């Protein structure tokens, strides 16, 4: 009698996954993100001082919560990664979610391709004023977010952080969904904050020229978003995006010029009491 061979087991074991998130006062959207990553083996939340229900919501989803004063975007995200314990780390923002098709692609990648890459990038699809935005430079907006533990590091200054990976990065096709602004007022607050951050790090030897240049850069930015990158195909939302992008460009230049006024001039009444 010939003995048959035992059945082979071709089922690969999935690598373990940590999701890391940085937060501050995100009670209105953090729950959507946490629900979408419930498939993860670990959720790590690094909070920089929430005063709303953010942490209560995170606890209800079983997240590991750490408190860290603000280190900047790159520093805060790197701190979160250092405190993850699984084989792979998925770094997300509180205004993002992982849809079902992206979840399945992540699980497949961590089962089949985990040994052939150290990182994966995703397209990012943004929701703005009731519509998904596919033009104007907002899509595909590809980001590296999934990395093998120890194979990547968040680097950069101020508003230009990125996840730098030491090895092969593969492209995933399904997007992270990004609920980019709550409304136009939220966008303007962000524009104001980001332009101020830019101005604190940028100096110009010829601030008046820099301000004038900002006017032309803003016009160019509008046409880049609306026409060259086809923002008009996103309808009125695309035009609003183009106009606010142009405003942001001009505001950055204007605030650099403004900083030169404060550093080189005195208040006209500053010597009044000395007369």
Foldseek 3Di string as FASTA:
>chain_A
DDDDDDDDDPFFDFFAEEEEEEDAALVPQQLQALVQVLVHPAYEYEYQYHPDCVVVSCVVSVHHYHYDHDPAPQVSQQVRLVPDDTFKYFYDYRQWHQDPVNVVQVRVCRGPVVPPWFWEKFFEWEAAPHDTAPWLPNPRNIAIGMGGRPQWGWDDDHPDIHIGGNTHYYYDYHHIYGHDAPHVVRVVVVLVVSLLSLLVVDADPDLVVLLVVLLVVLVVQLCCRVPVGPLCVVPPRSNVVSNSVSVSSNSSSVSNSVVVCVVPDDDPCPCVVVD
